[in-house]
């Protein structure tokens, strides 16, 4: 923005900066939500890998894993 100030240019610049900031904040929120979803799904997959889906009891893979330890 050059002097003398044109009020419309100042308003447009501030509006653009606020919109940009809002978009960046929304992007950060979305990325955090995706990371949390990935973490939850990974936990769920790991649990299902070692437990029976029907009975929710530990399965043979978990038994063999613990036995080898």
N, C-alpha and C. Protein backbone atom coordinates (compact mmCIF):
# COMPACT_ATOMS: atom_id res chain seq x y z
N UNK A 1 0.85 -1.18 0.00
CA UNK A 1 0.00 0.00 0.00
C UNK A 1 0.89 1.23 0.00
N UNK A 2 0.63 2.10 -0.94
CA UNK A 2 1.45 3.31 -1.06
C UNK A 2 0.69 4.52 -0.55
N UNK A 3 1.44 5.50 -0.11
CA UNK A 3 0.84 6.76 0.30
C UNK A 3 0.53 7.56 -0.94
N UNK A 4 -0.46 8.34 -0.97
CA UNK A 4 -1.52 8.51 0.02
C UNK A 4 -2.42 7.26 0.05
N UNK A 5 -2.91 6.94 1.23
CA UNK A 5 -3.70 5.74 1.42
C UNK A 5 -5.06 5.86 0.74
N UNK A 6 -5.40 4.81 0.06
CA UNK A 6 -6.76 4.69 -0.48
C UNK A 6 -7.48 3.74 0.48
N UNK A 7 -8.49 4.22 1.13
CA UNK A 7 -9.18 3.45 2.16
C UNK A 7 -9.69 2.11 1.62
N UNK A 8 -10.15 2.10 0.38
CA UNK A 8 -10.65 0.85 -0.20
C UNK A 8 -9.52 -0.17 -0.35
N UNK A 9 -8.32 0.28 -0.73
CA UNK A 9 -7.18 -0.63 -0.84
C UNK A 9 -6.78 -1.17 0.52
N UNK A 10 -6.80 -0.35 1.54
CA UNK A 10 -6.46 -0.78 2.89
C UNK A 10 -7.46 -1.82 3.37
N UNK A 11 -8.75 -1.53 3.16
CA UNK A 11 -9.79 -2.49 3.57
C UNK A 11 -9.64 -3.81 2.83
N UNK A 12 -9.36 -3.75 1.54
CA UNK A 12 -9.20 -4.97 0.74
C UNK A 12 -7.99 -5.77 1.22
N UNK A 13 -6.90 -5.09 1.53
CA UNK A 13 -5.69 -5.77 2.02
C UNK A 13 -5.93 -6.43 3.37
N UNK A 14 -6.60 -5.72 4.25
CA UNK A 14 -6.89 -6.29 5.58
C UNK A 14 -7.85 -7.46 5.44
N UNK A 15 -8.88 -7.32 4.61
CA UNK A 15 -9.85 -8.40 4.39
C UNK A 15 -9.14 -9.65 3.84
N UNK A 16 -8.25 -9.44 2.87
CA UNK A 16 -7.50 -10.56 2.29
C UNK A 16 -6.63 -11.23 3.33
N UNK A 17 -5.96 -10.44 4.17
CA UNK A 17 -5.10 -11.00 5.21
C UNK A 17 -5.92 -11.78 6.23
N UNK A 18 -7.09 -11.27 6.61
CA UNK A 18 -7.95 -11.99 7.56
C UNK A 18 -8.48 -13.29 6.96
N UNK A 19 -8.86 -13.24 5.69
CA UNK A 19 -9.33 -14.47 5.03
C UNK A 19 -8.22 -15.50 4.94
N UNK A 20 -7.02 -15.04 4.63
CA UNK A 20 -5.87 -15.94 4.54
C UNK A 20 -5.60 -16.59 5.90
N UNK A 21 -5.63 -15.78 6.95
CA UNK A 21 -5.42 -16.30 8.30
C UNK A 21 -6.51 -17.32 8.66
N UNK A 22 -7.73 -17.02 8.31
CA UNK A 22 -8.85 -17.93 8.59
C UNK A 22 -8.67 -19.26 7.84
N UNK A 23 -8.25 -19.19 6.61
CA UNK A 23 -8.02 -20.41 5.82
C UNK A 23 -6.88 -21.25 6.42
N UNK A 24 -5.82 -20.59 6.84
CA UNK A 24 -4.71 -21.33 7.46
C UNK A 24 -5.15 -22.01 8.76
N UNK A 25 -5.96 -21.32 9.56
CA UNK A 25 -6.44 -21.90 10.80
C UNK A 25 -7.35 -23.09 10.51
N UNK A 26 -8.21 -22.98 9.51
CA UNK A 26 -9.09 -24.09 9.14
C UNK A 26 -8.28 -25.28 8.62
N UNK A 27 -7.23 -24.98 7.88
CA UNK A 27 -6.35 -26.06 7.37
C UNK A 27 -5.68 -26.79 8.52
N UNK A 28 -5.19 -26.03 9.52
CA UNK A 28 -4.56 -26.65 10.68
C UNK A 28 -5.54 -27.53 11.44
N UNK A 29 -6.77 -27.03 11.63
CA UNK A 29 -7.80 -27.83 12.32
C UNK A 29 -8.08 -29.11 11.57
N UNK A 30 -8.21 -29.01 10.25
CA UNK A 30 -8.49 -30.18 9.42
C UNK A 30 -7.34 -31.19 9.50
N UNK A 31 -6.10 -30.71 9.43
CA UNK A 31 -4.95 -31.60 9.53
C UNK A 31 -4.91 -32.30 10.88
N UNK A 32 -5.22 -31.57 11.95
CA UNK A 32 -5.24 -32.18 13.29
C UNK A 32 -6.33 -33.23 13.39
N UNK A 33 -7.50 -32.96 12.80
CA UNK A 33 -8.58 -33.94 12.81
C UNK A 33 -8.17 -35.20 12.04
N UNK A 34 -7.51 -35.02 10.91
CA UNK A 34 -7.07 -36.18 10.12
C UNK A 34 -6.02 -36.99 10.88
N UNK A 35 -5.08 -36.31 11.53
CA UNK A 35 -4.07 -37.02 12.31
C UNK A 35 -4.71 -37.81 13.44
N UNK A 36 -5.70 -37.24 14.10
CA UNK A 36 -6.39 -37.94 15.18
C UNK A 36 -7.15 -39.14 14.63
N UNK A 37 -7.79 -38.99 13.49
CA UNK A 37 -8.51 -40.09 12.87
C UNK A 37 -7.55 -41.23 12.49
N UNK A 38 -6.41 -40.88 11.94
CA UNK A 38 -5.40 -41.90 11.58
C UNK A 38 -4.91 -42.62 12.84
N UNK A 39 -4.68 -41.87 13.92
CA UNK A 39 -4.24 -42.47 15.17
C UNK A 39 -5.29 -43.44 15.71
N UNK A 40 -6.56 -43.03 15.68
CA UNK A 40 -7.63 -43.90 16.17
C UNK A 40 -7.76 -45.15 15.32
N UNK A 41 -7.71 -44.99 14.01
CA UNK A 41 -7.85 -46.15 13.12
C UNK A 41 -6.66 -47.10 13.27
N UNK A 42 -5.46 -46.56 13.46
CA UNK A 42 -4.29 -47.40 13.66
C UNK A 42 -4.43 -48.21 14.95
N UNK A 43 -4.90 -47.56 16.00
CA UNK A 43 -5.15 -48.27 17.26
C UNK A 43 -6.16 -49.38 17.05
N UNK A 44 -7.23 -49.07 16.32
CA UNK A 44 -8.28 -50.05 16.07
C UNK A 44 -7.74 -51.23 15.26
N UNK A 45 -6.95 -50.96 14.25
CA UNK A 45 -6.38 -52.04 13.43
C UNK A 45 -5.45 -52.91 14.27
N UNK A 46 -4.62 -52.26 15.09
CA UNK A 46 -3.72 -53.03 15.95
C UNK A 46 -4.49 -53.90 16.93
N UNK A 47 -5.57 -53.37 17.47
CA UNK A 47 -6.39 -54.15 18.41
C UNK A 47 -7.02 -55.34 17.68
N UNK A 48 -7.58 -55.08 16.49
CA UNK A 48 -8.24 -56.15 15.74
C UNK A 48 -7.25 -57.21 15.27
N UNK A 49 -6.00 -56.85 15.11
CA UNK A 49 -4.99 -57.81 14.67
C UNK A 49 -4.74 -58.86 15.75
N UNK A 50 -4.97 -58.52 17.01
CA UNK A 50 -4.65 -59.43 18.11
C UNK A 50 -5.87 -59.91 18.89
N UNK A 51 -7.07 -59.50 18.47
CA UNK A 51 -8.28 -59.92 19.17
C UNK A 51 -9.33 -60.39 18.18
N UNK A 52 -10.11 -61.37 18.61
CA UNK A 52 -11.18 -61.90 17.79
C UNK A 52 -12.30 -60.87 17.70
N UNK A 53 -12.81 -60.64 16.50
CA UNK A 53 -13.84 -59.62 16.30
C UNK A 53 -15.17 -60.03 16.92
N UNK A 54 -15.47 -61.32 16.93
CA UNK A 54 -16.75 -61.80 17.45
C UNK A 54 -16.76 -61.86 18.97
N UNK A 55 -15.74 -62.48 19.56
CA UNK A 55 -15.72 -62.69 21.02
C UNK A 55 -14.94 -61.63 21.77
N UNK A 56 -14.13 -60.85 21.06
CA UNK A 56 -13.28 -59.81 21.66
C UNK A 56 -12.21 -60.41 22.58
N UNK A 57 -11.92 -61.69 22.39
CA UNK A 57 -10.88 -62.35 23.16
C UNK A 57 -9.56 -62.32 22.40
N UNK A 58 -8.43 -62.40 23.11
CA UNK A 58 -7.14 -62.47 22.42
C UNK A 58 -7.09 -63.65 21.45
N UNK A 59 -6.46 -63.48 20.31
CA UNK A 59 -6.39 -64.55 19.32
C UNK A 59 -5.03 -65.24 19.34
N UNK A 60 -4.87 -66.17 18.43
CA UNK A 60 -3.66 -66.97 18.36
C UNK A 60 -2.42 -66.12 18.07
N UNK A 61 -2.56 -65.11 17.25
CA UNK A 61 -1.42 -64.25 16.91
C UNK A 61 -0.89 -63.57 18.17
N UNK A 62 -1.77 -63.08 19.02
CA UNK A 62 -1.33 -62.47 20.28
C UNK A 62 -0.70 -63.51 21.19
N UNK A 63 -1.30 -64.68 21.23
CA UNK A 63 -0.73 -65.76 22.06
C UNK A 63 0.69 -66.08 21.59
N UNK A 64 0.87 -66.27 20.30
CA UNK A 64 2.20 -66.62 19.78
C UNK A 64 3.18 -65.47 19.99
N UNK A 65 2.72 -64.24 19.88
CA UNK A 65 3.57 -63.08 20.11
C UNK A 65 4.06 -63.05 21.56
N UNK A 66 3.14 -63.26 22.48
CA UNK A 66 3.50 -63.25 23.91
C UNK A 66 4.38 -64.45 24.27
N UNK A 67 4.10 -65.57 23.63
CA UNK A 67 4.89 -66.78 23.89
C UNK A 67 6.33 -66.58 23.42
N UNK A 68 6.51 -65.91 22.28
CA UNK A 68 7.86 -65.70 21.77
C UNK A 68 8.63 -64.67 22.61
N UNK A 69 7.92 -63.79 23.29
CA UNK A 69 8.58 -62.81 24.14
C UNK A 69 9.08 -63.47 25.40
